[in-house]
């Protein structure tokens, strides 16, 4: 018998023989729930969404079209309905840009700088979330009403704020101004100040840094805040109801006009106007999902890009010298990718 055989069996065959699988019992993952629990929780969530979101939404369109498409179009073409739609669009067109400017400035100030009163400013931005919209409307009535602080002076100069368009705009601005700032502050804080500092080193001015570095990095978060702000501005009821005076055809917005039609038992017309708000909600939801997707991608990219660690010294270079060619190539590709994404390069200023 040769040395390369063992009990008549070739040693090479023994070496390449597959091993028998070990019957080791896997321990259950403590994080993963059993399938029954997962299906039950998913079913409860879907049932909740169907009962409280889908069914009411379908009911709005069903009632709006219950008397036919002709009556639906006539309800929307009514002069009072057109006036309510026009006033709602005008209010949103004034309030949303103003809140955009305020939210962008406040978030940039809070996220990029340290100063006294920073916590107080952040708390004041959250104030409309904690105050009832009806209370905010009453505040404006107490300030600008006929018996308010500035009421006599406004009457002497023939300026009307309460029960007029300016009061509606002021109340809408108050209840909607946190949305843009509250979306941008965490995004700017997650991105840090590295790119702004690099742009400053390259010689960029403050306006150039804001326009070419900060603003492009937060564009999707800004869009997300504007979408939420516009949806709340067009659908606001409580604060606008207090300051509008319910003057039909003059100071009624779309939510107030829906209430008036419903109180008059004109249900089909009320649901017709409400369906316009429902369509706005669906469009807002689609834009919101798009902005969320891009904003989450930007947040992930901001967390993956390493921060600047200072100039390379001789000691650090010697410590990092033993690296493979593949690691060096990977780092070179990453550095080229980051520099290509940077909106400010030397020689552009």
C-alpha atoms as a PDB file:
ATOM      1  CA  UNK A   1       0.000   0.000   0.000  1.00  0.00           C
ATOM      2  CA  UNK A   2       1.400   3.384  -0.971  1.00  0.00           C
ATOM      3  CA  UNK A   3       1.795   6.367   1.279  1.00  0.00           C
ATOM      4  CA  UNK A   4      -0.787   8.356  -0.716  1.00  0.00           C
ATOM      5  CA  UNK A   5      -3.582   5.976   0.174  1.00  0.00           C
ATOM      6  CA  UNK A   6      -5.397   5.394   3.409  1.00  0.00           C
ATOM      7  CA  UNK A   7      -7.194   2.047   3.851  1.00  0.00           C
ATOM      8  CA  UNK A   8      -7.502   1.713   0.092  1.00  0.00           C
ATOM      9  CA  UNK A   9      -8.973   5.230  -0.323  1.00  0.00           C
ATOM     10  CA  UNK A  10      -7.078   7.883  -2.222  1.00  0.00           C
ATOM     11  CA  UNK A  11      -5.939  10.761   0.049  1.00  0.00           C
ATOM     12  CA  UNK A  12      -6.898  13.348  -2.603  1.00  0.00           C
ATOM     13  CA  UNK A  13     -10.448  12.015  -2.638  1.00  0.00           C
ATOM     14  CA  UNK A  14     -10.595  12.334   1.122  1.00  0.00           C
ATOM     15  CA  UNK A  15      -9.328  15.905   0.944  1.00  0.00           C
ATOM     16  CA  UNK A  16     -11.982  17.028  -1.553  1.00  0.00           C
ATOM     17  CA  UNK A  17     -14.834  15.081  -0.002  1.00  0.00           C
ATOM     18  CA  UNK A  18     -17.610  17.450   1.086  1.00  0.00           C
ATOM     19  CA  UNK A  19     -18.243  17.818   4.744  1.00  0.00           C
ATOM     20  CA  UNK A  20     -21.572  16.805   6.150  1.00  0.00           C
ATOM     21  CA  UNK A  21     -23.650  19.783   7.242  1.00  0.00           C
ATOM     22  CA  UNK A  22     -23.823  20.352  10.946  1.00  0.00           C
ATOM     23  CA  UNK A  23     -27.307  20.271  12.352  1.00  0.00           C
ATOM     24  CA  UNK A  24     -26.981  23.294  14.604  1.00  0.00           C
ATOM     25  CA  UNK A  25     -30.275  24.735  15.817  1.00  0.00           C
ATOM     26  CA  UNK A  26     -30.518  28.458  15.117  1.00  0.00           C
ATOM     27  CA  UNK A  27     -31.560  30.650  17.971  1.00  0.00           C
ATOM     28  CA  UNK A  28     -34.542  32.880  17.181  1.00  0.00           C
ATOM     29  CA  UNK A  29     -33.751  36.523  16.531  1.00  0.00           C
ATOM     30  CA  UNK A  30     -35.022  38.485  19.554  1.00  0.00           C
ATOM     31  CA  UNK A  31     -35.633  41.550  17.361  1.00  0.00           C
ATOM     32  CA  UNK A  32     -37.773  39.878  14.694  1.00  0.00           C
ATOM     33  CA  UNK A  33     -41.401  39.345  15.640  1.00  0.00           C
ATOM     34  CA  UNK A  34     -43.243  36.153  14.673  1.00  0.00           C
ATOM     35  CA  UNK A  35     -45.049  36.293  11.306  1.00  0.00           C
ATOM     36  CA  UNK A  36     -48.446  36.256  13.003  1.00  0.00           C
ATOM     37  CA  UNK A  37     -47.609  39.363  15.009  1.00  0.00           C
ATOM     38  CA  UNK A  38     -46.229  41.145  11.957  1.00  0.00           C
ATOM     39  CA  UNK A  39     -49.316  40.392   9.874  1.00  0.00           C
ATOM     40  CA  UNK A  40     -51.619  41.434  12.714  1.00  0.00           C
ATOM     41  CA  UNK A  41     -49.865  44.794  13.222  1.00  0.00           C
ATOM     42  CA  UNK A  42     -49.825  45.459   9.482  1.00  0.00           C
ATOM     43  CA  UNK A  43     -53.516  44.642   9.231  1.00  0.00           C
ATOM     44  CA  UNK A  44     -54.395  46.954  12.118  1.00  0.00           C
ATOM     45  CA  UNK A  45     -52.414  49.797  10.535  1.00  0.00           C
ATOM     46  CA  UNK A  46     -54.055  49.297   7.128  1.00  0.00           C
ATOM     47  CA  UNK A  47     -57.513  49.073   8.715  1.00  0.00           C
ATOM     48  CA  UNK A  48     -56.891  52.304  10.616  1.00  0.00           C
ATOM     49  CA  UNK A  49     -55.764  54.093   7.448  1.00  0.00           C
ATOM     50  CA  UNK A  50     -58.752  52.789   5.514  1.00  0.00           C
ATOM     51  CA  UNK A  51     -61.296  53.874   8.130  1.00  0.00           C
ATOM     52  CA  UNK A  52     -59.894  57.295   8.970  1.00  0.00           C
ATOM     53  CA  UNK A  53     -58.247  58.377   5.689  1.00  0.00           C
ATOM     54  CA  UNK A  54     -59.358  56.461   2.619  1.00  0.00           C
ATOM     55  CA  UNK A  55     -63.076  56.159   3.395  1.00  0.00           C
ATOM     56  CA  UNK A  56     -63.546  59.889   4.262  1.00  0.00           C
ATOM     57  CA  UNK A  57     -61.599  60.880   1.146  1.00  0.00           C
ATOM     58  CA  UNK A  58     -63.756  58.674  -1.062  1.00  0.00           C
ATOM     59  CA  UNK A  59     -66.896  60.002   0.657  1.00  0.00           C
ATOM     60  CA  UNK A  60     -65.905  63.596  -0.159  1.00  0.00           C
ATOM     61  CA  UNK A  61     -65.654  62.907  -3.897  1.00  0.00           C
ATOM     62  CA  UNK A  62     -68.752  60.697  -3.871  1.00  0.00           C
ATOM     63  CA  UNK A  63     -70.891  63.395  -2.265  1.00  0.00           C
ATOM     64  CA  UNK A  64     -69.387  66.086  -4.493  1.00  0.00           C
ATOM     65  CA  UNK A  65     -70.394  64.178  -7.644  1.00  0.00           C
ATOM     66  CA  UNK A  66     -73.682  62.810  -6.289  1.00  0.00           C
ATOM     67  CA  UNK A  67     -75.751  65.254  -8.381  1.00  0.00           C
ATOM     68  CA  UNK A  68     -73.683  64.920 -11.503  1.00  0.00           C
ATOM     69  CA  UNK A  69     -70.684  66.612 -13.017  1.00  0.00           C
ATOM     70  CA  UNK A  70     -72.813  69.546 -14.176  1.00  0.00           C
ATOM     71  CA  UNK A  71     -73.878  70.490 -10.665  1.00  0.00           C
ATOM     72  CA  UNK A  72     -70.298  69.980  -9.494  1.00  0.00           C
ATOM     73  CA  UNK A  73     -68.963  72.485 -12.015  1.00  0.00           C
ATOM     74  CA  UNK A  74     -71.796  74.926 -11.260  1.00  0.00           C
ATOM     75  CA  UNK A  75     -70.943  74.812  -7.556  1.00  0.00           C
ATOM     76  CA  UNK A  76     -67.321  75.653  -8.287  1.00  0.00           C
ATOM     77  CA  UNK A  77     -68.328  78.408 -10.741  1.00  0.00           C
ATOM     78  CA  UNK A  78     -70.554  80.132  -8.182  1.00  0.00           C
ATOM     79  CA  UNK A  79     -69.352  83.719  -7.532  1.00  0.00           C
ATOM     80  CA  UNK A  80     -69.022  83.138  -3.793  1.00  0.00           C
ATOM     81  CA  UNK A  81     -67.036  79.950  -4.381  1.00  0.00           C
ATOM     82  CA  UNK A  82     -64.759  81.688  -6.877  1.00  0.00           C
ATOM     83  CA  UNK A  83     -64.240  84.532  -4.394  1.00  0.00           C
ATOM     84  CA  UNK A  84     -63.329  82.037  -1.657  1.00  0.00           C
ATOM     85  CA  UNK A  85     -60.888  80.226  -3.949  1.00  0.00           C
ATOM     86  CA  UNK A  86     -59.333  83.529  -5.033  1.00  0.00           C
ATOM     87  CA  UNK A  87     -58.926  84.760  -1.453  1.00  0.00           C
ATOM     88  CA  UNK A  88     -57.393  81.437  -0.401  1.00  0.00           C
ATOM     89  CA  UNK A  89     -54.841  81.586  -3.238  1.00  0.00           C
ATOM     90  CA  UNK A  90     -53.992  85.240  -2.480  1.00  0.00           C
ATOM     91  CA  UNK A  91     -53.509  84.486   1.217  1.00  0.00           C
ATOM     92  CA  UNK A  92     -51.223  81.547   0.500  1.00  0.00           C
ATOM     93  CA  UNK A  93     -49.317  83.547  -2.143  1.00  0.00           C
ATOM     94  CA  UNK A  94     -48.502  86.194   0.481  1.00  0.00           C
ATOM     95  CA  UNK A  95     -47.958  84.023   3.558  1.00  0.00           C
ATOM     96  CA  UNK A  96     -45.827  81.250   2.018  1.00  0.00           C
ATOM     97  CA  UNK A  97     -43.063  83.479   0.517  1.00  0.00           C
ATOM     98  CA  UNK A  98     -42.816  85.491   3.733  1.00  0.00           C
ATOM     99  CA  UNK A  99     -42.531  82.317   5.798  1.00  0.00           C
ATOM    100  CA  UNK A 100     -39.982  80.978   3.315  1.00  0.00           C
ATOM    101  CA  UNK A 101     -37.739  84.014   3.844  1.00  0.00           C
ATOM    102  CA  UNK A 102     -38.167  83.916   7.619  1.00  0.00           C
ATOM    103  CA  UNK A 103     -37.664  80.151   7.886  1.00  0.00           C
ATOM    104  CA  UNK A 104     -34.559  80.199   5.720  1.00  0.00           C
ATOM    105  CA  UNK A 105     -32.997  83.075   7.661  1.00  0.00           C
ATOM    106  CA  UNK A 106     -33.920  81.661  11.076  1.00  0.00           C
ATOM    107  CA  UNK A 107     -32.698  78.146  10.288  1.00  0.00           C
ATOM    108  CA  UNK A 108     -29.409  79.431   8.852  1.00  0.00           C
ATOM    109  CA  UNK A 109     -28.886  81.577  11.935  1.00  0.00           C
ATOM    110  CA  UNK A 110     -29.724  78.772  14.392  1.00  0.00           C
ATOM    111  CA  UNK A 111     -27.867  75.949  12.625  1.00  0.00           C
ATOM    112  CA  UNK A 112     -24.713  77.797  11.569  1.00  0.00           C
ATOM    113  CA  UNK A 113     -24.017  80.223  14.443  1.00  0.00           C
ATOM    114  CA  UNK A 114     -23.883  80.281  18.247  1.00  0.00           C
ATOM    115  CA  UNK A 115     -25.288  83.355  19.981  1.00  0.00           C
ATOM    116  CA  UNK A 116     -27.190  84.437  23.061  1.00  0.00           C
ATOM    117  CA  UNK A 117     -30.889  83.824  22.862  1.00  0.00           C
ATOM    118  CA  UNK A 118     -30.552  80.897  20.453  1.00  0.00           C
ATOM    119  CA  UNK A 119     -32.674  78.616  22.643  1.00  0.00           C
ATOM    120  CA  UNK A 120     -35.269  81.378  23.083  1.00  0.00           C
ATOM    121  CA  UNK A 121     -35.520  81.884  19.316  1.00  0.00           C
ATOM    122  CA  UNK A 122     -35.981  78.151  18.795  1.00  0.00           C
ATOM    123  CA  UNK A 123     -38.726  78.105  21.432  1.00  0.00           C
ATOM    124  CA  UNK A 124     -40.527  81.063  19.858  1.00  0.00           C
ATOM    125  CA  UNK A 125     -40.504  79.335  16.477  1.00  0.00           C
ATOM    126  CA  UNK A 126     -42.401  76.422  18.056  1.00  0.00           C
ATOM    127  CA  UNK A 127     -44.972  78.745  19.663  1.00  0.00           C
ATOM    128  CA  UNK A 128     -47.710  78.326  17.000  1.00  0.00           C
ATOM    129  CA  UNK A 129     -47.543  74.555  17.510  1.00  0.00           C
ATOM    130  CA  UNK A 130     -48.489  74.940  21.178  1.00  0.00           C
ATOM    131  CA  UNK A 131     -51.076  77.741  20.852  1.00  0.00           C
ATOM    132  CA  UNK A 132     -54.561  77.060  19.550  1.00  0.00           C
ATOM    133  CA  UNK A 133     -55.273  78.763  16.200  1.00  0.00           C
ATOM    134  CA  UNK A 134     -58.411  80.290  17.704  1.00  0.00           C
ATOM    135  CA  UNK A 135     -56.302  81.914  20.430  1.00  0.00           C
ATOM    136  CA  UNK A 136     -53.922  83.325  17.822  1.00  0.00           C
ATOM    137  CA  UNK A 137     -56.881  84.833  15.981  1.00  0.00           C
ATOM    138  CA  UNK A 138     -58.175  86.407  19.197  1.00  0.00           C
ATOM    139  CA  UNK A 139     -54.718  87.913  19.805  1.00  0.00           C
ATOM    140  CA  UNK A 140     -54.970  89.814  16.522  1.00  0.00           C
ATOM    141  CA  UNK A 141     -58.510  90.905  17.351  1.00  0.00           C
ATOM    142  CA  UNK A 142     -57.298  92.300  20.690  1.00  0.00           C
ATOM    143  CA  UNK A 143     -54.441  94.112  18.957  1.00  0.00           C
ATOM    144  CA  UNK A 144     -56.043  95.453  15.765  1.00  0.00           C
ATOM    145  CA  UNK A 145     -59.779  95.303  16.502  1.00  0.00           C
ATOM    146  CA  UNK A 146     -61.992  98.344  17.050  1.00  0.00           C
ATOM    147  CA  UNK A 147     -61.515  98.080  20.837  1.00  0.00           C
ATOM    148  CA  UNK A 148     -57.947  96.799  20.619  1.00  0.00           C
ATOM    149  CA  UNK A 149     -54.600  98.426  21.346  1.00  0.00           C
ATOM    150  CA  UNK A 150     -54.151  99.914  17.879  1.00  0.00           C
ATOM    151  CA  UNK A 151     -57.858 100.054  16.989  1.00  0.00           C
ATOM    152  CA  UNK A 152     -58.469 103.808  17.514  1.00  0.00           C
ATOM    153  CA  UNK A 153     -55.321 104.762  15.577  1.00  0.00           C
ATOM    154  CA  UNK A 154     -56.277 102.456  12.697  1.00  0.00           C
ATOM    155  CA  UNK A 155     -59.786 103.915  12.569  1.00  0.00           C
ATOM    156  CA  UNK A 156     -58.415 107.470  12.458  1.00  0.00           C
ATOM    157  CA  UNK A 157     -56.248 106.580   9.475  1.00  0.00           C
ATOM    158  CA  UNK A 158     -58.984 104.498   7.794  1.00  0.00           C
ATOM    159  CA  UNK A 159     -56.982 101.270   7.945  1.00  0.00           C
ATOM    160  CA  UNK A 160     -58.898  98.037   8.450  1.00  0.00           C
ATOM    161  CA  UNK A 161     -57.078  94.855   9.430  1.00  0.00           C
ATOM    162  CA  UNK A 162     -59.633  92.779  11.302  1.00  0.00           C
ATOM    163  CA  UNK A 163     -62.539  91.471   9.182  1.00  0.00           C
ATOM    164  CA  UNK A 164     -60.476  92.175   6.087  1.00  0.00           C
ATOM    165  CA  UNK A 165     -57.782  90.536   3.973  1.00  0.00           C
ATOM    166  CA  UNK A 166     -54.799  91.881   6.033  1.00  0.00           C
ATOM    167  CA  UNK A 167     -56.104  90.194   9.175  1.00  0.00           C
ATOM    168  CA  UNK A 168     -56.545  86.890   7.333  1.00  0.00           C
ATOM    169  CA  UNK A 169     -52.993  87.110   5.992  1.00  0.00           C
ATOM    170  CA  UNK A 170     -51.544  87.945   9.432  1.00  0.00           C
ATOM    171  CA  UNK A 171     -53.372  85.044  11.100  1.00  0.00           C
ATOM    172  CA  UNK A 172     -52.235  82.657   8.363  1.00  0.00           C
ATOM    173  CA  UNK A 173     -48.620  83.793   8.664  1.00  0.00           C
ATOM    174  CA  UNK A 174     -48.684  83.199  12.412  1.00  0.00           C
ATOM    175  CA  UNK A 175     -49.971  79.623  12.230  1.00  0.00           C
ATOM    176  CA  UNK A 176     -47.679  78.601   9.344  1.00  0.00           C
ATOM    177  CA  UNK A 177     -44.307  80.224  10.023  1.00  0.00           C
ATOM    178  CA  UNK A 178     -42.720  77.254  11.930  1.00  0.00           C
ATOM    179  CA  UNK A 179     -42.967  74.788   9.036  1.00  0.00           C
ATOM    180  CA  UNK A 180     -40.065  75.945   6.850  1.00  0.00           C
ATOM    181  CA  UNK A 181     -37.707  76.626   9.766  1.00  0.00           C
ATOM    182  CA  UNK A 182     -38.492  73.335  11.490  1.00  0.00           C
ATOM    183  CA  UNK A 183     -37.652  71.358   8.342  1.00  0.00           C
ATOM    184  CA  UNK A 184     -34.410  73.202   7.600  1.00  0.00           C
ATOM    185  CA  UNK A 185     -32.857  73.390  11.083  1.00  0.00           C
ATOM    186  CA  UNK A 186     -32.136  69.633  11.544  1.00  0.00           C
ATOM    187  CA  UNK A 187     -31.020  69.337   7.905  1.00  0.00           C
ATOM    188  CA  UNK A 188     -28.498  72.184   8.242  1.00  0.00           C
ATOM    189  CA  UNK A 189     -27.268  70.873  11.575  1.00  0.00           C
ATOM    190  CA  UNK A 190     -26.672  67.409  10.089  1.00  0.00           C
ATOM    191  CA  UNK A 191     -24.708  68.853   7.171  1.00  0.00           C
ATOM    192  CA  UNK A 192     -22.406  70.873   9.433  1.00  0.00           C
ATOM    193  CA  UNK A 193     -20.232  73.837   8.501  1.00  0.00           C
ATOM    194  CA  UNK A 194     -17.389  72.096   6.639  1.00  0.00           C
ATOM    195  CA  UNK A 195     -18.382  73.196   3.148  1.00  0.00           C
ATOM    196  CA  UNK A 196     -19.085  76.770   4.234  1.00  0.00           C
ATOM    197  CA  UNK A 197     -15.675  76.966   5.921  1.00  0.00           C
ATOM    198  CA  UNK A 198     -13.995  75.564   2.814  1.00  0.00           C
ATOM    199  CA  UNK A 199     -15.755  78.145   0.640  1.00  0.00           C
ATOM    200  CA  UNK A 200     -14.659  80.912   3.021  1.00  0.00           C
ATOM    201  CA  UNK A 201     -11.056  79.719   2.780  1.00  0.00           C
ATOM    202  CA  UNK A 202     -11.337  79.874  -1.013  1.00  0.00           C
ATOM    203  CA  UNK A 203     -12.330  83.533  -0.722  1.00  0.00           C
ATOM    204  CA  UNK A 204     -16.110  83.395  -1.095  1.00  0.00           C
ATOM    205  CA  UNK A 205     -18.219  86.174   0.358  1.00  0.00           C
ATOM    206  CA  UNK A 206     -21.150  85.565   2.682  1.00  0.00           C
ATOM    207  CA  UNK A 207     -23.704  85.916  -0.112  1.00  0.00           C
ATOM    208  CA  UNK A 208     -21.723  83.575  -2.375  1.00  0.00           C
ATOM    209  CA  UNK A 209     -21.493  80.976   0.400  1.00  0.00           C
ATOM    210  CA  UNK A 210     -25.220  81.176   1.013  1.00  0.00           C
ATOM    211  CA  UNK A 211     -26.209  81.135  -2.665  1.00  0.00           C
ATOM    212  CA  UNK A 212     -23.773  78.508  -3.983  1.00  0.00           C
ATOM    213  CA  UNK A 213     -23.164  76.256  -0.969  1.00  0.00           C
ATOM    214  CA  UNK A 214     -25.892  76.471   1.679  1.00  0.00           C
ATOM    215  CA  UNK A 215     -28.955  76.927  -0.515  1.00  0.00           C
ATOM    216  CA  UNK A 216     -28.216  74.081  -2.990  1.00  0.00           C
ATOM    217  CA  UNK A 217     -27.611  71.699  -0.077  1.00  0.00           C
ATOM    218  CA  UNK A 218     -31.022  72.371   1.496  1.00  0.00           C
ATOM    219  CA  UNK A 219     -33.158  72.848  -1.620  1.00  0.00           C
ATOM    220  CA  UNK A 220     -35.221  69.686  -1.087  1.00  0.00           C
ATOM    221  CA  UNK A 221     -35.717  70.362   2.613  1.00  0.00           C
ATOM    222  CA  UNK A 222     -36.786  73.886   1.689  1.00  0.00           C
ATOM    223  CA  UNK A 223     -39.288  72.516  -0.818  1.00  0.00           C
ATOM    224  CA  UNK A 224     -40.606  70.116   1.820  1.00  0.00           C
ATOM    225  CA  UNK A 225     -41.215  72.964   4.274  1.00  0.00           C
ATOM    226  CA  UNK A 226     -42.859  75.122   1.606  1.00  0.00           C
ATOM    227  CA  UNK A 227     -45.228  72.283   0.675  1.00  0.00           C
ATOM    228  CA  UNK A 228     -46.345  71.824   4.285  1.00  0.00           C
ATOM    229  CA  UNK A 229     -46.629  75.577   4.792  1.00  0.00           C
ATOM    230  CA  UNK A 230     -48.788  75.994   1.678  1.00  0.00           C
ATOM    231  CA  UNK A 231     -51.067  73.094   2.653  1.00  0.00           C
ATOM    232  CA  UNK A 232     -51.641  74.564   6.114  1.00  0.00           C
ATOM    233  CA  UNK A 233     -52.175  78.078   4.712  1.00  0.00           C
ATOM    234  CA  UNK A 234     -54.891  76.934   2.304  1.00  0.00           C
ATOM    235  CA  UNK A 235     -56.586  74.679   4.848  1.00  0.00           C
ATOM    236  CA  UNK A 236     -56.442  76.914   7.927  1.00  0.00           C
ATOM    237  CA  UNK A 237     -59.813  77.368   9.610  1.00  0.00           C
ATOM    238  CA  UNK A 238     -59.605  78.371  13.288  1.00  0.00           C
ATOM    239  CA  UNK A 239     -57.503  81.537  13.222  1.00  0.00           C
ATOM    240  CA  UNK A 240     -58.999  82.736   9.915  1.00  0.00           C
ATOM    241  CA  UNK A 241     -62.524  82.143  11.216  1.00  0.00           C
ATOM    242  CA  UNK A 242     -61.925  84.536  14.121  1.00  0.00           C
ATOM    243  CA  UNK A 243     -60.459  87.427  12.111  1.00  0.00           C
ATOM    244  CA  UNK A 244     -62.443  87.118   8.870  1.00  0.00           C
ATOM    245  CA  UNK A 245     -65.909  88.128  10.063  1.00  0.00           C
ATOM    246  CA  UNK A 246     -67.504  85.566   7.678  1.00  0.00           C
ATOM    247  CA  UNK A 247     -68.448  88.218   5.119  1.00  0.00           C
ATOM    248  CA  UNK A 248     -69.693  86.100   2.256  1.00  0.00           C
ATOM    249  CA  UNK A 249     -68.003  86.822  -1.036  1.00  0.00           C
ATOM    250  CA  UNK A 250     -65.371  89.054   0.608  1.00  0.00           C
ATOM    251  CA  UNK A 251     -63.587  87.484   3.578  1.00  0.00           C
ATOM    252  CA  UNK A 252     -64.517  83.819   3.255  1.00  0.00           C
ATOM    253  CA  UNK A 253     -61.749  81.395   2.393  1.00  0.00           C
ATOM    254  CA  UNK A 254     -62.430  77.916   1.068  1.00  0.00           C
ATOM    255  CA  UNK A 255     -62.720  76.186   4.496  1.00  0.00           C
ATOM    256  CA  UNK A 256     -65.069  78.930   5.719  1.00  0.00           C
ATOM    257  CA  UNK A 257     -67.145  78.715   2.543  1.00  0.00           C
ATOM    258  CA  UNK A 258     -67.490  74.949   3.019  1.00  0.00           C
ATOM    259  CA  UNK A 259     -68.813  75.564   6.532  1.00  0.00           C
ATOM    260  CA  UNK A 260     -71.372  78.107   5.298  1.00  0.00           C
ATOM    261  CA  UNK A 261     -72.666  75.794   2.573  1.00  0.00           C
ATOM    262  CA  UNK A 262     -72.871  72.878   4.979  1.00  0.00           C
ATOM    263  CA  UNK A 263     -74.819  74.942   7.528  1.00  0.00           C
ATOM    264  CA  UNK A 264     -77.258  75.881   4.755  1.00  0.00           C
ATOM    265  CA  UNK A 265     -77.792  72.139   4.046  1.00  0.00           C
ATOM    266  CA  UNK A 266     -76.300  72.540   0.593  1.00  0.00           C
ATOM    267  CA  UNK A 267     -74.268  69.388   1.044  1.00  0.00           C
ATOM    268  CA  UNK A 268     -73.341  68.674  -2.572  1.00  0.00           C
ATOM    269  CA  UNK A 269     -71.982  72.188  -3.097  1.00  0.00           C
ATOM    270  CA  UNK A 270     -70.109  72.029   0.212  1.00  0.00           C
ATOM    271  CA  UNK A 271     -68.470  68.746  -0.762  1.00  0.00           C
ATOM    272  CA  UNK A 272     -67.682  70.130  -4.213  1.00  0.00           C
ATOM    273  CA  UNK A 273     -65.613  72.934  -2.715  1.00  0.00           C
ATOM    274  CA  UNK A 274     -64.159  70.481  -0.173  1.00  0.00           C
ATOM    275  CA  UNK A 275     -63.057  68.220  -3.018  1.00  0.00           C
ATOM    276  CA  UNK A 276     -60.779  71.013  -4.270  1.00  0.00           C
ATOM    277  CA  UNK A 277     -59.067  71.017  -0.874  1.00  0.00           C
ATOM    278  CA  UNK A 278     -58.877  67.209  -1.011  1.00  0.00           C
ATOM    279  CA  UNK A 279     -57.198  67.376  -4.432  1.00  0.00           C
ATOM    280  CA  UNK A 280     -54.764  69.888  -2.995  1.00  0.00           C
ATOM    281  CA  UNK A 281     -54.026  67.435  -0.172  1.00  0.00           C
ATOM    282  CA  UNK A 282     -53.306  64.631  -2.639  1.00  0.00           C
ATOM    283  CA  UNK A 283     -50.975  66.820  -4.706  1.00  0.00           C
ATOM    284  CA  UNK A 284     -49.279  67.950  -1.508  1.00  0.00           C
ATOM    285  CA  UNK A 285     -48.805  64.330  -0.444  1.00  0.00           C
ATOM    286  CA  UNK A 286     -47.160  63.439  -3.747  1.00  0.00           C
ATOM    287  CA  UNK A 287     -44.793  66.402  -3.633  1.00  0.00           C
ATOM    288  CA  UNK A 288     -44.076  65.659   0.017  1.00  0.00           C
ATOM    289  CA  UNK A 289     -43.031  62.074  -0.781  1.00  0.00           C
ATOM    290  CA  UNK A 290     -40.770  63.326  -3.577  1.00  0.00           C
ATOM    291  CA  UNK A 291     -39.140  65.908  -1.329  1.00  0.00           C
ATOM    292  CA  UNK A 292     -38.734  63.374   1.510  1.00  0.00           C
ATOM    293  CA  UNK A 293     -36.931  60.956  -0.804  1.00  0.00           C
ATOM    294  CA  UNK A 294     -34.450  63.562  -2.010  1.00  0.00           C
ATOM    295  CA  UNK A 295     -33.999  65.028   1.472  1.00  0.00           C
ATOM    296  CA  UNK A 296     -33.204  61.617   3.000  1.00  0.00           C
ATOM    297  CA  UNK A 297     -30.677  61.021   0.212  1.00  0.00           C
ATOM    298  CA  UNK A 298     -29.002  64.353   0.983  1.00  0.00           C
ATOM    299  CA  UNK A 299     -28.885  63.546   4.701  1.00  0.00           C
ATOM    300  CA  UNK A 300     -27.270  60.181   3.979  1.00  0.00           C
ATOM    301  CA  UNK A 301     -24.717  61.816   1.702  1.00  0.00           C
ATOM    302  CA  UNK A 302     -23.950  64.434   4.345  1.00  0.00           C
ATOM    303  CA  UNK A 303     -23.314  61.752   6.958  1.00  0.00           C
ATOM    304  CA  UNK A 304     -21.138  59.631   4.642  1.00  0.00           C
ATOM    305  CA  UNK A 305     -18.736  62.431   3.587  1.00  0.00           C
ATOM    306  CA  UNK A 306     -15.860  62.544   6.128  1.00  0.00           C
ATOM    307  CA  UNK A 307     -15.063  65.787   7.861  1.00  0.00           C
ATOM    308  CA  UNK A 308     -11.825  67.683   7.162  1.00  0.00           C
ATOM    309  CA  UNK A 309      -9.101  66.387   9.536  1.00  0.00           C
ATOM    310  CA  UNK A 310      -6.492  69.098   9.019  1.00  0.00           C
ATOM    311  CA  UNK A 311      -3.300  69.100   6.943  1.00  0.00           C
ATOM    312  CA  UNK A 312      -1.365  65.853   6.516  1.00  0.00           C
ATOM    313  CA  UNK A 313       1.742  65.784   8.676  1.00  0.00           C
ATOM    314  CA  UNK A 314       4.857  63.701   8.186  1.00  0.00           C
ATOM    315  CA  UNK A 315       3.993  61.442  11.125  1.00  0.00           C
ATOM    316  CA  UNK A 316       0.455  60.809   9.947  1.00  0.00           C
ATOM    317  CA  UNK A 317       1.685  60.173   6.425  1.00  0.00           C
ATOM    318  CA  UNK A 318       4.185  57.609   7.682  1.00  0.00           C
ATOM    319  CA  UNK A 319       1.498  55.866   9.718  1.00  0.00           C
ATOM    320  CA  UNK A 320      -0.851  55.635   6.766  1.00  0.00           C
ATOM    321  CA  UNK A 321       1.826  54.722   4.213  1.00  0.00           C
ATOM    322  CA  UNK A 322       1.342  50.910   4.250  1.00  0.00           C
ATOM    323  CA  UNK A 323      -1.822  50.676   2.242  1.00  0.00           C
ATOM    324  CA  UNK A 324      -2.725  48.590  -0.723  1.00  0.00           C
ATOM    325  CA  UNK A 325      -3.137  49.890  -4.238  1.00  0.00           C
ATOM    326  CA  UNK A 326      -6.866  49.176  -4.156  1.00  0.00           C
ATOM    327  CA  UNK A 327      -7.335  51.310  -1.017  1.00  0.00           C
ATOM    328  CA  UNK A 328      -5.378  54.160  -2.594  1.00  0.00           C
ATOM    329  CA  UNK A 329      -7.469  53.974  -5.767  1.00  0.00           C
ATOM    330  CA  UNK A 330     -10.694  53.925  -3.748  1.00  0.00           C
ATOM    331  CA  UNK A 331      -9.660  57.004  -1.760  1.00  0.00           C
ATOM    332  CA  UNK A 332      -8.693  58.804  -4.973  1.00  0.00           C
ATOM    333  CA  UNK A 333     -12.084  58.085  -6.530  1.00  0.00           C
ATOM    334  CA  UNK A 334     -13.886  59.305  -3.383  1.00  0.00           C
ATOM    335  CA  UNK A 335     -11.849  62.495  -3.260  1.00  0.00           C
ATOM    336  CA  UNK A 336     -12.560  63.167  -6.939  1.00  0.00           C
ATOM    337  CA  UNK A 337     -16.286  62.570  -6.347  1.00  0.00           C
ATOM    338  CA  UNK A 338     -16.435  64.948  -3.368  1.00  0.00           C
ATOM    339  CA  UNK A 339     -14.520  67.682  -5.174  1.00  0.00           C
ATOM    340  CA  UNK A 340     -16.763  67.322  -8.213  1.00  0.00           C
ATOM    341  CA  UNK A 341     -19.850  67.753  -6.040  1.00  0.00           C
ATOM    342  CA  UNK A 342     -18.520  70.859  -4.285  1.00  0.00           C
ATOM    343  CA  UNK A 343     -20.200  73.904  -5.819  1.00  0.00           C
ATOM    344  CA  UNK A 344     -17.200  76.188  -5.164  1.00  0.00           C
ATOM    345  CA  UNK A 345     -13.823  75.378  -6.668  1.00  0.00           C
ATOM    346  CA  UNK A 346     -10.710  77.473  -6.692  1.00  0.00           C
ATOM    347  CA  UNK A 347     -10.692  79.874  -9.613  1.00  0.00           C
ATOM    348  CA  UNK A 348     -14.509  80.264  -9.768  1.00  0.00           C
ATOM    349  CA  UNK A 349     -14.714  83.146  -7.321  1.00  0.00           C
END
